[in-house]
Each structure stands twice: as structure tokens, then as C-alpha cells.
Amino acid sequence: MKSEIDSMSENQVWDLVDPPESIVPIGNKWVFKRKIGADGKVEIYKVRLVAKGYRQRQGVNYEETFSPVAMLKSIRIMLVIAAHYDYEVWQMDVKTTFLNGYIEEDIFMDQPRDFESKDKSKVCKLKRSIYGLRQASRSWNRRFDEAIKSFGFIKNEDEPCVYKKASGSMNAFLVLYMDDILLIDVDDRNSIFGYIFTCNGGAVSWKSSKQEATVDSTTEVEYIVASDATKEAIWIRKFVTELGVIPSISSPIELYCDNTGAIAQAKEPRSHKKTKHIKRRYHIIMEIIGRCDVSGQKVASADNVADPLTKVMTQQQIDKHLEKMGLRYCT
């Protein structure tokens, strides 16, 4: 606890002031955690001072809370590029991350328990973010963005957490990532669809999900999946193109599908009683293929690498597809 308070003091997180009239300071609490090692024993005891951000009111002591985070597919693409060009890869961690973000709003907080000053009537006026504040992540991201740009890094237009700095023939890329995972499961009878993108022999982006609505045929399922995959292909194309290190990205991205009807519908729009009810938003694939950003190709079902994402398969079949995804068993 003392180490946490010392860190707050070093970063000048707050000033002690007299409580303003008609202002109720937000509370805080100490959150304790144990880090368990691989042997099941406690490696370290950790503690964090956390503000009770749920007491904040929008428009009073916070406005925007959104903060971007690098998508995992972006990180995988960057690692594939690093492996292909033999780039050096460095990973680092920012300690007490949120304490680096400046607070623009007036936020008052009670003094931390067991570390009150002699004048207990004082309250903490926050100058920097602390964990628990609704705008903490946004404040940190805003300061990081300003700092890294001052060193000549340029933000990627399609991935706001990827930065690039070019110096002659040398390129430096920086990816900002914070982990936050939410798992959701909904029980329904809708079809499961999936797609996977590979780059330099390794999987970089994939999706396995349920259709938002029940469909009537496999052609419709495959057509909708192809449409979603096409939009993903366009994002990958734009992201990689802006990185400026893969010249072949100027060629159409090959999109493989094992349903002949879906490919025909995408390449040559036709009115048919079995497909005319498909929502208009899925027909974007026709426009994208028409301008040669993506090339629709037929692939045999046995060679469809995305099949393990949508159906039950034998171990032998799975192993075959894993190899094409760039995955290997550890020996």
C-alpha cells in the first residue's frame, strides 16, 4: 500500500485542497490481488488504489470515455510482417499506466484510507487519472498519442493504435495494446459461419460466429459470409497498404469459397426467388469484386481452411487445415 501511495506521490496525482461547497467527493477503495505462479504458489501480493468511478456523473466530472485499443488481428499482421522482413520485435509494459493521463475535469476524491494527512478535512483534487475513473483509459491514450507523435510517429488511419516512423530505408512501428476481454454466448438455432485470412503462411484474422437471422439455404449462408469476409479483406488491404512494406497488396485479395452458387451470385448479380430476399447490405461484395479489390475463387470443400471454424471434423482433417493456418504442434 505504501508503494502505491509513493507512486501516486511521485506522479503528483493529486493536490490536497479544502472541499468545495456543494461538491461531494467520490470515494475510493484498496483492491488486493495475489499473483499465482506456475507452481501454484503465491509469487507476489499486489494492491491498487481504485476510485469509485460509478459515483461520477456525465457532464459534471467526465465527458467522453471511449479509448481505442489495437485489434488482435492488427498485432498478428504486424508480427507476420516482422517475421517476413526479419524485423526486431520489442515488447514493453508501462507501469501504473493510468497515472500518466492528465485530468481535464475537476474531480475531487476522499483521502485514501490509512493514508490520510494530518488535516483529514482536506480532499484530493485529482490532476492525473487513477484506476476506476471513467475517463482514465481515454486520458492515458490521449497523452500517449501526443507524446509519441512528438517523436515523429504517424498514426495509421485504419488502426488508431498503430504508429509508424520512417527514417530513410528504416521503418519503426509501434502498437499500443491493453487487454480487455468479454465473452458472450447466446443459445439459438442460427447457422454458424466462419472465415480466416492468412498472410505469409500464417493466420492473422478470423471469425466464427452465428448468423443474426435464420437462413433458408447454404448458398445464402455462404453468400452472407463472403460479404462479411470481403469487408474484412478491404480493411486488411487498407491497413497493410498504409504500412507501406508489402508491395503485393496492390493485387486483388483472393477470397476462396466452396459454394458455387454464392460465387456466381457475387460475380454476376441475378434475380432469383431463392436469393432476392437477401438484405441489400450484403450485396456490397458485388461492388468490391467489380472494382477488382477482391477476387472470388472456388475451392473444394476438402481444402476449405475455414471449415474447422464452422463444423465438427476428424482430427486428421483438422491437422490438415492447421498446417495451412501456419499452426504446428509443439514437440
Protein backbone atom coordinates (compact mmCIF):
# COMPACT_ATOMS: atom_id res chain seq x y z
CA MET A 1 0.00 0.00 0.00
CA LYS A 2 2.84 2.36 0.81
CA SER A 3 4.46 1.59 -2.55
CA GLU A 4 1.22 2.52 -4.32
CA ILE A 5 0.94 5.77 -2.39
CA ASP A 6 4.60 6.55 -3.12
CA SER A 7 3.90 6.02 -6.82
CA MET A 8 0.95 8.41 -6.60
CA SER A 9 3.17 10.97 -4.89
CA GLU A 10 5.97 10.65 -7.47
CA ASN A 11 3.48 11.21 -10.30
CA GLN A 12 1.82 14.11 -8.44
CA VAL A 13 -1.59 12.56 -8.94
CA TRP A 14 -3.46 14.95 -6.64
CA ASP A 15 -3.30 18.06 -4.50
CA LEU A 16 -4.88 18.28 -1.07
CA VAL A 17 -7.41 21.12 -1.03
CA ASP A 18 -10.36 22.33 1.01
CA PRO A 19 -13.57 20.65 -0.17
CA PRO A 20 -15.57 22.99 -2.45
CA GLU A 21 -19.08 23.87 -1.44
CA SER A 22 -21.88 21.69 -2.83
CA ILE A 23 -19.34 19.13 -4.11
CA VAL A 24 -19.47 15.56 -2.83
CA PRO A 25 -16.08 13.91 -3.41
CA ILE A 26 -16.05 10.42 -4.89
CA GLY A 27 -14.77 7.61 -2.73
CA ASN A 28 -12.00 5.09 -3.28
CA LYS A 29 -11.00 1.66 -2.08
CA TRP A 30 -7.99 -0.61 -1.90
CA VAL A 31 -8.15 -3.64 -4.19
CA PHE A 32 -5.91 -6.56 -3.25
CA LYS A 33 -4.74 -9.32 -5.58
CA ARG A 34 -2.40 -12.30 -5.44
CA LYS A 35 -0.26 -13.30 -8.42
CA ILE A 36 -0.06 -17.09 -8.58
CA GLY A 37 2.95 -18.72 -10.24
CA ALA A 38 3.05 -21.82 -12.45
CA ASP A 39 3.74 -23.95 -9.37
CA GLY A 40 0.53 -22.77 -7.73
CA LYS A 41 2.32 -20.70 -5.09
CA VAL A 42 1.87 -17.00 -4.45
CA GLU A 43 4.59 -15.03 -6.24
CA ILE A 44 3.60 -11.56 -5.19
CA TYR A 45 0.86 -9.66 -3.40
CA LYS A 46 -0.43 -6.66 -5.34
CA VAL A 47 -2.62 -3.74 -4.33
CA ARG A 48 -4.21 -0.93 -6.28
CA LEU A 49 -5.93 2.25 -5.15
CA VAL A 50 -9.14 2.49 -7.19
CA ALA A 51 -11.54 5.41 -7.44
CA LYS A 52 -15.25 4.69 -7.19
CA GLY A 53 -15.94 5.88 -10.71
CA TYR A 54 -19.56 4.77 -10.56
CA ARG A 55 -20.17 7.86 -8.43
CA GLN A 56 -19.19 10.13 -11.32
CA ARG A 57 -21.85 11.96 -13.31
CA GLN A 58 -21.60 12.52 -17.05
CA GLY A 59 -21.40 16.19 -17.92
CA VAL A 60 -20.19 17.03 -14.42
CA ASN A 61 -16.88 15.27 -13.87
CA TYR A 62 -16.49 13.30 -17.08
CA GLU A 63 -17.49 13.55 -20.73
CA GLU A 64 -16.07 11.05 -23.21
CA THR A 65 -14.87 7.63 -22.06
CA PHE A 66 -14.05 5.81 -25.31
CA SER A 67 -10.42 4.79 -25.78
CA PRO A 68 -9.13 2.82 -28.81
CA VAL A 69 -7.15 -0.39 -28.43
CA ALA A 70 -5.18 -2.27 -31.06
CA MET A 71 -7.14 -5.16 -32.57
CA LEU A 72 -5.54 -8.58 -32.22
CA LYS A 73 -5.62 -9.03 -35.99
CA SER A 74 -3.53 -5.86 -36.34
CA ILE A 75 -0.95 -7.27 -33.95
CA ARG A 76 -0.86 -10.56 -35.82
CA ILE A 77 -0.37 -8.78 -39.15
CA MET A 78 2.48 -6.75 -37.68
CA LEU A 79 4.13 -9.93 -36.35
CA VAL A 80 3.78 -11.62 -39.75
CA ILE A 81 5.44 -8.63 -41.41
CA ALA A 82 8.19 -8.64 -38.77
CA ALA A 83 8.84 -12.34 -39.37
CA HIS A 84 8.90 -11.91 -43.16
CA TYR A 85 11.31 -8.96 -43.16
CA ASP A 86 13.28 -10.13 -40.10
CA TYR A 87 12.43 -7.02 -38.11
CA GLU A 88 13.46 -6.82 -34.47
CA VAL A 89 10.47 -7.05 -32.12
CA TRP A 90 10.46 -5.43 -28.70
CA GLN A 91 7.74 -5.64 -26.06
CA MET A 92 7.46 -3.36 -23.07
CA ASP A 93 5.00 -2.61 -20.31
CA VAL A 94 4.01 0.77 -18.88
CA LYS A 95 3.79 0.61 -15.10
CA THR A 96 0.93 2.43 -13.37
CA THR A 97 -0.35 3.24 -16.84
CA PHE A 98 -3.33 5.39 -15.99
CA LEU A 99 -1.32 7.66 -13.70
CA ASN A 100 0.25 9.12 -16.84
CA GLY A 101 -3.02 10.59 -18.09
CA TYR A 102 -3.92 14.19 -17.27
CA ILE A 103 -7.37 15.09 -15.97
CA GLU A 104 -9.19 17.98 -17.65
CA GLU A 105 -12.29 17.91 -15.45
CA ASP A 106 -12.49 18.97 -11.80
CA ILE A 107 -12.63 15.73 -9.83
CA PHE A 108 -12.45 15.60 -6.04
CA MET A 109 -11.81 12.38 -4.13
CA ASP A 110 -11.68 11.36 -0.47
CA GLN A 111 -8.25 10.78 1.02
CA PRO A 112 -7.16 7.10 0.85
CA ARG A 113 -7.92 5.05 3.96
CA ASP A 114 -4.94 4.65 6.34
CA PHE A 115 -3.01 7.35 4.49
CA GLU A 116 -4.91 10.47 5.48
CA SER A 117 -2.98 13.67 6.09
CA LYS A 118 -2.98 15.40 9.45
CA ASP A 119 -5.81 17.59 8.22
CA LYS A 120 -8.47 14.99 7.49
CA SER A 121 -10.91 17.66 6.34
CA LYS A 122 -8.93 18.05 3.11
CA VAL A 123 -9.89 16.23 -0.10
CA CYS A 124 -7.81 15.14 -3.08
CA LYS A 125 -8.18 17.23 -6.23
CA LEU A 126 -7.04 14.89 -8.99
CA LYS A 127 -4.52 16.14 -11.54
CA ARG A 128 -3.99 12.77 -13.17
CA SER A 129 -6.12 9.71 -13.82
CA ILE A 130 -6.23 6.78 -11.45
CA TYR A 131 -7.77 3.38 -11.91
CA GLY A 132 -11.54 3.35 -11.65
CA LEU A 133 -12.23 6.74 -13.20
CA ARG A 134 -14.50 6.53 -16.21
CA GLN A 135 -12.16 8.62 -18.36
CA ALA A 136 -8.92 7.00 -17.10
CA SER A 137 -8.21 4.96 -20.22
CA ARG A 138 -9.07 7.84 -22.55
CA SER A 139 -6.83 10.27 -20.65
CA TRP A 140 -3.88 7.88 -20.86
CA ASN A 141 -4.44 7.23 -24.56
CA ARG A 142 -4.67 10.94 -25.33
CA ARG A 143 -1.38 11.69 -23.59
CA PHE A 144 0.36 8.71 -25.21
CA ASP A 145 -0.85 9.85 -28.63
CA GLU A 146 0.50 13.36 -28.10
CA ALA A 147 3.83 12.10 -26.76
CA ILE A 148 4.51 9.53 -29.48
CA LYS A 149 3.63 11.98 -32.27
CA SER A 150 6.16 14.45 -30.86
CA PHE A 151 8.84 11.86 -31.72
CA GLY A 152 7.78 11.84 -35.37
CA PHE A 153 5.47 8.81 -35.36
CA ILE A 154 2.41 8.93 -37.61
CA LYS A 155 -0.88 7.26 -36.66
CA ASN A 156 -2.34 4.67 -39.03
CA GLU A 157 -5.66 5.92 -40.45
CA ASP A 158 -7.32 2.49 -40.27
CA GLU A 159 -5.87 1.39 -36.91
CA PRO A 160 -5.54 4.26 -34.39
CA CYS A 161 -3.27 2.23 -32.10
CA VAL A 162 -0.59 1.54 -34.73
CA TYR A 163 2.08 4.16 -35.39
CA LYS A 164 4.87 4.33 -37.97
CA LYS A 165 8.09 6.31 -38.22
CA ALA A 166 10.21 6.15 -41.37
CA SER A 167 13.82 7.27 -41.48
CA GLY A 168 15.47 6.63 -44.83
CA SER A 169 15.19 2.90 -45.50
CA MET A 170 14.40 2.16 -41.85
CA ASN A 171 10.86 1.69 -40.54
CA ALA A 172 9.76 1.65 -36.92
CA PHE A 173 6.26 0.50 -35.98
CA LEU A 174 4.62 0.87 -32.60
CA VAL A 175 1.47 -0.97 -31.49
CA LEU A 176 -0.42 0.11 -28.37
CA TYR A 177 -2.45 -2.65 -26.72
CA MET A 178 -4.41 -3.09 -23.50
CA ASP A 179 -6.23 -6.33 -22.78
CA ASP A 180 -9.94 -6.41 -22.02
CA ILE A 181 -11.95 -9.49 -22.98
CA LEU A 182 -15.70 -10.07 -22.89
CA LEU A 183 -17.15 -13.46 -23.74
CA ILE A 184 -20.81 -13.80 -24.66
CA ASP A 185 -22.83 -16.87 -25.54
CA VAL A 186 -26.37 -16.86 -26.88
CA ASP A 187 -28.27 -20.08 -27.43
CA ASP A 188 -30.14 -20.07 -30.73
CA ARG A 189 -30.57 -22.17 -33.84
CA ASN A 190 -28.93 -19.88 -36.35
CA SER A 191 -26.23 -21.10 -38.71
CA ILE A 192 -22.57 -20.80 -37.71
CA PHE A 193 -20.30 -19.09 -40.23
CA GLY A 194 -16.57 -18.52 -40.33
CA TYR A 195 -13.71 -17.13 -42.36
CA ILE A 196 -9.94 -16.91 -41.99
CA PHE A 197 -7.25 -14.74 -43.57
CA THR A 198 -3.62 -15.82 -43.88
CA CYS A 199 -0.55 -13.74 -44.63
CA ASN A 200 2.94 -15.13 -45.27
CA GLY A 201 1.71 -18.61 -44.34
CA GLY A 202 0.14 -17.66 -41.01
CA ALA A 203 -3.40 -16.87 -39.87
CA VAL A 204 -3.83 -13.18 -39.00
CA SER A 205 -7.59 -12.63 -38.88
CA TRP A 206 -10.50 -15.00 -38.39
CA LYS A 207 -14.08 -15.10 -37.23
CA SER A 208 -16.51 -17.80 -36.17
CA SER A 209 -19.98 -16.63 -35.25
CA LYS A 210 -23.70 -17.27 -35.54
CA GLN A 211 -25.87 -15.71 -38.21
CA GLU A 212 -28.00 -12.88 -36.90
CA ALA A 213 -31.03 -14.44 -38.59
CA THR A 214 -32.13 -17.86 -39.76
CA VAL A 215 -31.39 -18.52 -43.45
CA ASP A 216 -33.05 -20.84 -45.92
CA SER A 217 -30.14 -22.31 -47.88
CA THR A 218 -26.41 -22.99 -47.80
CA THR A 219 -25.99 -20.63 -50.76
CA GLU A 220 -27.45 -17.79 -48.74
CA VAL A 221 -25.24 -18.63 -45.76
CA GLU A 222 -22.09 -18.72 -47.89
CA TYR A 223 -23.04 -15.51 -49.70
CA ILE A 224 -23.52 -13.62 -46.44
CA VAL A 225 -20.23 -15.00 -45.07
CA ALA A 226 -18.43 -14.00 -48.26
CA SER A 227 -19.84 -10.49 -47.91
CA ASP A 228 -18.55 -10.16 -44.34
CA ALA A 229 -15.19 -11.63 -45.33
CA THR A 230 -14.95 -9.18 -48.23
CA LYS A 231 -15.38 -6.21 -45.91
CA GLU A 232 -12.65 -7.64 -43.69
CA ALA A 233 -10.42 -8.05 -46.75
CA ILE A 234 -10.87 -4.38 -47.61
CA TRP A 235 -9.86 -3.32 -44.09
CA ILE A 236 -6.76 -5.54 -44.19
CA ARG A 237 -5.87 -4.18 -47.61
CA LYS A 238 -6.12 -0.55 -46.45
CA PHE A 239 -4.26 -1.21 -43.19
CA VAL A 240 -1.37 -3.08 -44.82
CA THR A 241 -1.16 -0.65 -47.75
CA GLU A 242 -0.70 2.27 -45.38
CA LEU A 243 2.13 0.40 -43.62
CA GLY A 244 3.96 0.63 -46.95
CA VAL A 245 6.04 -2.55 -46.66
CA ILE A 246 4.13 -5.17 -48.71
CA PRO A 247 4.02 -4.25 -52.43
CA SER A 248 1.88 -7.27 -53.42
CA ILE A 249 -1.10 -5.87 -51.52
CA SER A 250 -1.90 -3.86 -54.67
CA SER A 251 -3.11 -7.10 -56.28
CA PRO A 252 -6.69 -8.33 -55.66
CA ILE A 253 -7.05 -10.33 -52.45
CA GLU A 254 -8.11 -13.88 -53.29
CA LEU A 255 -11.29 -14.94 -51.49
CA TYR A 256 -11.97 -18.68 -51.59
CA CYS A 257 -15.46 -20.13 -51.15
CA ASP A 258 -16.66 -23.73 -51.55
CA ASN A 259 -20.17 -22.80 -52.71
CA THR A 260 -20.54 -22.33 -56.47
CA GLY A 261 -23.91 -20.59 -56.15
CA ALA A 262 -22.56 -17.97 -53.76
CA ILE A 263 -19.60 -17.21 -56.06
CA ALA A 264 -21.88 -16.92 -59.08
CA GLN A 265 -24.22 -14.57 -57.23
CA ALA A 266 -21.31 -12.37 -56.16
CA LYS A 267 -19.72 -12.21 -59.62
CA GLU A 268 -22.89 -11.92 -61.69
CA PRO A 269 -25.88 -10.39 -59.88
CA ARG A 270 -29.07 -12.15 -60.78
CA SER A 271 -32.66 -12.11 -59.64
CA HIS A 272 -33.73 -15.43 -58.22
CA LYS A 273 -36.58 -16.35 -55.94
CA LYS A 274 -34.16 -18.10 -53.57
CA THR A 275 -31.81 -15.11 -53.18
CA LYS A 276 -33.87 -11.99 -53.87
CA HIS A 277 -34.78 -11.62 -50.17
CA ILE A 278 -31.13 -11.28 -49.06
CA LYS A 279 -30.62 -7.93 -47.34
CA ARG A 280 -29.15 -5.23 -49.53
CA ARG A 281 -26.21 -4.59 -47.20
CA TYR A 282 -24.75 -7.99 -48.06
CA HIS A 283 -24.59 -7.15 -51.77
CA ILE A 284 -21.55 -4.93 -51.20
CA ILE A 285 -19.48 -7.94 -52.26
CA MET A 286 -20.63 -7.38 -55.86
CA GLU A 287 -19.25 -3.84 -55.89
CA ILE A 288 -15.95 -4.87 -54.28
CA ILE A 289 -15.36 -7.74 -56.71
CA GLY A 290 -16.42 -5.48 -59.58
CA ARG A 291 -13.64 -2.98 -58.85
CA CYS A 292 -11.08 -5.82 -58.53
CA ASP A 293 -10.23 -5.28 -54.86
CA VAL A 294 -11.15 -8.90 -54.18
CA SER A 295 -11.17 -11.95 -56.45
CA GLY A 296 -13.79 -14.65 -55.79
CA GLN A 297 -12.42 -18.17 -56.32
CA LYS A 298 -13.91 -21.66 -55.98
CA VAL A 299 -12.20 -24.06 -53.59
CA ALA A 300 -13.02 -27.70 -52.92
CA SER A 301 -14.75 -28.31 -49.59
CA ALA A 302 -11.92 -30.62 -48.53
CA ASP A 303 -9.46 -27.72 -48.97
CA ASN A 304 -11.51 -25.02 -47.27
CA VAL A 305 -9.23 -23.85 -44.45
CA ALA A 306 -12.12 -22.15 -42.62
CA ASP A 307 -14.11 -25.37 -42.18
CA PRO A 308 -12.80 -26.10 -38.63
CA LEU A 309 -14.44 -22.84 -37.54
CA THR A 310 -17.92 -23.98 -38.53
CA LYS A 311 -18.25 -27.74 -38.29
CA VAL A 312 -17.18 -30.88 -36.48
CA MET A 313 -14.23 -32.58 -38.19
CA THR A 314 -11.93 -35.54 -37.66
CA GLN A 315 -8.53 -34.95 -36.09
CA GLN A 316 -6.86 -35.79 -39.40
CA GLN A 317 -8.91 -33.16 -41.22
CA ILE A 318 -8.22 -30.57 -38.52
CA ASP A 319 -4.46 -31.24 -38.66
CA LYS A 320 -4.50 -30.71 -42.43
CA HIS A 321 -6.15 -27.31 -42.07
CA LEU A 322 -3.99 -26.28 -39.10
CA GLU A 323 -0.91 -26.66 -41.28
CA LYS A 324 -2.37 -24.22 -43.82
CA MET A 325 -3.12 -21.80 -40.98
CA GLY A 326 0.56 -21.85 -40.06
CA LEU A 327 0.00 -23.75 -36.81
CA ARG A 328 2.27 -26.57 -35.67
CA TYR A 329 2.23 -28.93 -32.72
CA CYS A 330 4.94 -28.29 -30.13
CA THR A 331 7.33 -31.24 -29.93
